[in-house]
N, C-alpha and C. Protein backbone atom coordinates (compact mmCIF):
# COMPACT_ATOMS: atom_id res chain seq x y z
N MET A 1 -40.54 28.76 -142.03
CA MET A 1 -41.34 29.98 -142.18
C MET A 1 -41.98 30.28 -140.82
N ARG A 2 -41.77 31.48 -140.32
CA ARG A 2 -42.30 31.90 -139.03
C ARG A 2 -43.61 32.64 -139.23
N LEU A 3 -44.64 32.22 -138.49
CA LEU A 3 -45.91 32.94 -138.54
C LEU A 3 -45.93 33.98 -137.44
N ASP A 4 -46.08 35.21 -137.81
CA ASP A 4 -46.14 36.32 -136.88
C ASP A 4 -47.60 36.57 -136.55
N PRO A 5 -48.01 36.56 -135.25
CA PRO A 5 -49.41 36.74 -134.90
C PRO A 5 -50.00 38.06 -135.44
N GLY A 6 -49.18 39.05 -135.68
CA GLY A 6 -49.67 40.32 -136.20
C GLY A 6 -49.73 40.37 -137.72
N GLN A 7 -49.37 39.27 -138.35
CA GLN A 7 -49.31 39.24 -139.81
C GLN A 7 -50.42 38.33 -140.34
N ILE A 8 -51.16 38.79 -141.33
CA ILE A 8 -52.26 38.01 -141.89
C ILE A 8 -51.72 36.88 -142.74
N GLU A 9 -50.77 37.15 -143.61
CA GLU A 9 -50.21 36.14 -144.49
C GLU A 9 -48.70 36.23 -144.47
N VAL A 10 -48.08 35.10 -144.72
CA VAL A 10 -46.63 35.05 -144.83
C VAL A 10 -46.31 34.61 -146.25
N MET A 11 -45.46 35.34 -146.90
CA MET A 11 -45.07 35.04 -148.28
C MET A 11 -44.26 33.74 -148.30
N ASP A 12 -44.65 32.83 -149.18
CA ASP A 12 -43.89 31.61 -149.39
C ASP A 12 -42.52 31.99 -149.95
N PRO A 13 -41.44 31.45 -149.40
CA PRO A 13 -40.10 31.82 -149.86
C PRO A 13 -39.89 31.57 -151.37
N ASP A 14 -40.46 30.50 -151.90
CA ASP A 14 -40.30 30.23 -153.33
C ASP A 14 -41.00 31.30 -154.16
N MET A 15 -42.18 31.72 -153.73
CA MET A 15 -42.91 32.76 -154.45
C MET A 15 -42.17 34.09 -154.33
N ALA A 16 -41.58 34.36 -153.19
CA ALA A 16 -40.80 35.59 -153.02
C ALA A 16 -39.65 35.63 -154.03
N GLU A 17 -39.00 34.50 -154.25
CA GLU A 17 -37.91 34.44 -155.23
C GLU A 17 -38.42 34.70 -156.64
N VAL A 18 -39.57 34.14 -156.98
CA VAL A 18 -40.16 34.37 -158.31
C VAL A 18 -40.43 35.86 -158.50
N LEU A 19 -41.04 36.49 -157.49
CA LEU A 19 -41.39 37.91 -157.61
C LEU A 19 -40.16 38.81 -157.65
N LYS A 20 -39.11 38.43 -156.94
CA LYS A 20 -37.87 39.22 -156.97
C LYS A 20 -37.28 39.29 -158.37
N LYS A 21 -37.50 38.25 -159.15
CA LYS A 21 -36.94 38.19 -160.50
C LYS A 21 -37.77 38.94 -161.53
N LYS A 22 -38.96 39.39 -161.15
CA LYS A 22 -39.83 40.12 -162.06
C LYS A 22 -39.36 41.57 -162.18
N GLU A 23 -39.63 42.15 -163.32
CA GLU A 23 -39.38 43.58 -163.51
C GLU A 23 -40.40 44.35 -162.69
N PRO A 24 -40.07 45.58 -162.30
CA PRO A 24 -41.03 46.38 -161.52
C PRO A 24 -42.40 46.49 -162.21
N TRP A 25 -42.41 46.71 -163.52
CA TRP A 25 -43.69 46.84 -164.22
C TRP A 25 -44.49 45.54 -164.17
N GLU A 26 -43.78 44.39 -164.12
CA GLU A 26 -44.49 43.11 -164.03
C GLU A 26 -45.14 42.94 -162.67
N ARG A 27 -44.44 43.36 -161.62
CA ARG A 27 -45.02 43.27 -160.27
C ARG A 27 -46.22 44.20 -160.13
N ILE A 28 -46.13 45.39 -160.73
CA ILE A 28 -47.26 46.31 -160.71
C ILE A 28 -48.44 45.71 -161.46
N ALA A 29 -48.19 45.09 -162.60
CA ALA A 29 -49.26 44.47 -163.39
C ALA A 29 -49.92 43.34 -162.60
N ILE A 30 -49.14 42.56 -161.89
CA ILE A 30 -49.69 41.48 -161.06
C ILE A 30 -50.58 42.07 -159.97
N GLY A 31 -50.09 43.10 -159.29
CA GLY A 31 -50.87 43.75 -158.24
C GLY A 31 -52.17 44.34 -158.77
N PHE A 32 -52.09 44.98 -159.93
CA PHE A 32 -53.29 45.56 -160.52
C PHE A 32 -54.30 44.47 -160.88
N GLY A 33 -53.80 43.35 -161.40
CA GLY A 33 -54.68 42.23 -161.72
C GLY A 33 -55.38 41.69 -160.48
N LEU A 34 -54.64 41.60 -159.38
CA LEU A 34 -55.24 41.13 -158.12
C LEU A 34 -56.30 42.12 -157.63
N TRP A 35 -56.00 43.41 -157.73
CA TRP A 35 -56.94 44.44 -157.30
C TRP A 35 -58.21 44.39 -158.16
N THR A 36 -58.04 44.26 -159.48
CA THR A 36 -59.17 44.20 -160.40
C THR A 36 -60.04 42.98 -160.11
N SER A 37 -59.39 41.87 -159.86
CA SER A 37 -60.12 40.64 -159.55
C SER A 37 -60.90 40.78 -158.25
N ALA A 38 -60.28 41.36 -157.22
CA ALA A 38 -60.97 41.57 -155.94
C ALA A 38 -62.17 42.49 -156.12
N ARG A 39 -62.00 43.54 -156.91
CA ARG A 39 -63.10 44.48 -157.15
C ARG A 39 -64.26 43.78 -157.86
N SER A 40 -63.95 42.96 -158.83
CA SER A 40 -64.98 42.24 -159.58
C SER A 40 -65.73 41.25 -158.67
N MET A 41 -64.98 40.52 -157.85
CA MET A 41 -65.62 39.57 -156.93
C MET A 41 -66.50 40.29 -155.91
N LEU A 42 -66.03 41.43 -155.41
CA LEU A 42 -66.81 42.20 -154.46
C LEU A 42 -68.08 42.74 -155.10
N ALA A 43 -67.99 43.20 -156.34
CA ALA A 43 -69.18 43.69 -157.05
C ALA A 43 -70.21 42.57 -157.19
N SER A 44 -69.76 41.38 -157.55
CA SER A 44 -70.67 40.24 -157.69
C SER A 44 -71.32 39.89 -156.36
N LEU A 45 -70.53 39.88 -155.31
CA LEU A 45 -71.05 39.59 -153.98
C LEU A 45 -72.12 40.61 -153.57
N LEU A 46 -71.81 41.89 -153.76
CA LEU A 46 -72.74 42.94 -153.36
C LEU A 46 -74.03 42.90 -154.18
N ARG A 47 -73.91 42.62 -155.47
CA ARG A 47 -75.12 42.52 -156.31
C ARG A 47 -76.00 41.37 -155.85
N GLY A 48 -75.38 40.27 -155.43
CA GLY A 48 -76.15 39.14 -154.93
C GLY A 48 -76.80 39.42 -153.58
N MET A 49 -76.09 40.14 -152.73
CA MET A 49 -76.61 40.46 -151.40
C MET A 49 -77.63 41.58 -151.43
N HIS A 50 -77.51 42.50 -152.39
CA HIS A 50 -78.36 43.69 -152.45
C HIS A 50 -78.90 43.89 -153.87
N PRO A 51 -79.80 43.03 -154.30
CA PRO A 51 -80.32 43.16 -155.68
C PRO A 51 -81.06 44.47 -155.93
N ASP A 52 -81.45 45.15 -154.87
CA ASP A 52 -82.17 46.42 -155.01
C ASP A 52 -81.22 47.61 -155.21
N TRP A 53 -79.92 47.43 -155.01
CA TRP A 53 -78.97 48.52 -155.16
C TRP A 53 -78.70 48.79 -156.63
N ASP A 54 -78.59 50.08 -156.99
CA ASP A 54 -78.23 50.42 -158.37
C ASP A 54 -76.70 50.41 -158.50
N ASP A 55 -76.22 50.58 -159.73
CA ASP A 55 -74.78 50.52 -160.00
C ASP A 55 -73.98 51.55 -159.21
N GLU A 56 -74.54 52.74 -159.03
CA GLU A 56 -73.84 53.78 -158.27
C GLU A 56 -73.68 53.39 -156.81
N ARG A 57 -74.70 52.80 -156.23
CA ARG A 57 -74.63 52.37 -154.82
C ARG A 57 -73.61 51.24 -154.68
N ILE A 58 -73.59 50.32 -155.62
CA ILE A 58 -72.60 49.24 -155.62
C ILE A 58 -71.19 49.83 -155.71
N ARG A 59 -71.00 50.78 -156.62
CA ARG A 59 -69.69 51.41 -156.80
C ARG A 59 -69.23 52.10 -155.52
N ARG A 60 -70.13 52.83 -154.88
CA ARG A 60 -69.77 53.54 -153.64
C ARG A 60 -69.37 52.55 -152.53
N GLU A 61 -70.08 51.43 -152.45
CA GLU A 61 -69.76 50.44 -151.42
C GLU A 61 -68.43 49.76 -151.72
N ILE A 62 -68.15 49.51 -152.99
CA ILE A 62 -66.85 48.92 -153.36
C ILE A 62 -65.73 49.89 -152.97
N VAL A 63 -65.90 51.16 -153.29
CA VAL A 63 -64.89 52.16 -152.95
C VAL A 63 -64.69 52.23 -151.44
N ARG A 64 -65.78 52.24 -150.69
CA ARG A 64 -65.70 52.32 -149.23
C ARG A 64 -64.92 51.12 -148.67
N ARG A 65 -65.28 49.94 -149.14
CA ARG A 65 -64.63 48.73 -148.60
C ARG A 65 -63.18 48.62 -149.02
N MET A 66 -62.90 48.92 -150.29
CA MET A 66 -61.53 48.74 -150.77
C MET A 66 -60.59 49.85 -150.30
N SER A 67 -61.15 50.95 -149.85
CA SER A 67 -60.31 52.02 -149.31
C SER A 67 -60.27 51.95 -147.77
N HIS A 68 -60.81 50.87 -147.23
CA HIS A 68 -60.87 50.67 -145.78
C HIS A 68 -61.59 51.82 -145.08
N GLY A 69 -62.61 52.35 -145.74
CA GLY A 69 -63.43 53.39 -145.14
C GLY A 69 -62.84 54.79 -145.21
N SER A 70 -61.70 54.96 -145.89
CA SER A 70 -61.08 56.28 -145.92
C SER A 70 -61.74 57.23 -146.90
N VAL A 71 -62.65 56.72 -147.73
CA VAL A 71 -63.36 57.57 -148.70
C VAL A 71 -64.79 57.73 -148.25
């Protein structure tokens, strides 16, 4: 497995084979689950760091971070 300096992660070849065998809807479901999990973890982190923020402020910060600032 070659690590490319411009690449953050390299897919394990065995995992790539597992994912290739999944149906498209299964891969989408996996991606959505990962996104949902990341959003939940980020919300928990932000609530811990900023207990004074209300739910709307937390939501806006999650959107900003997960959209890489494009929103």
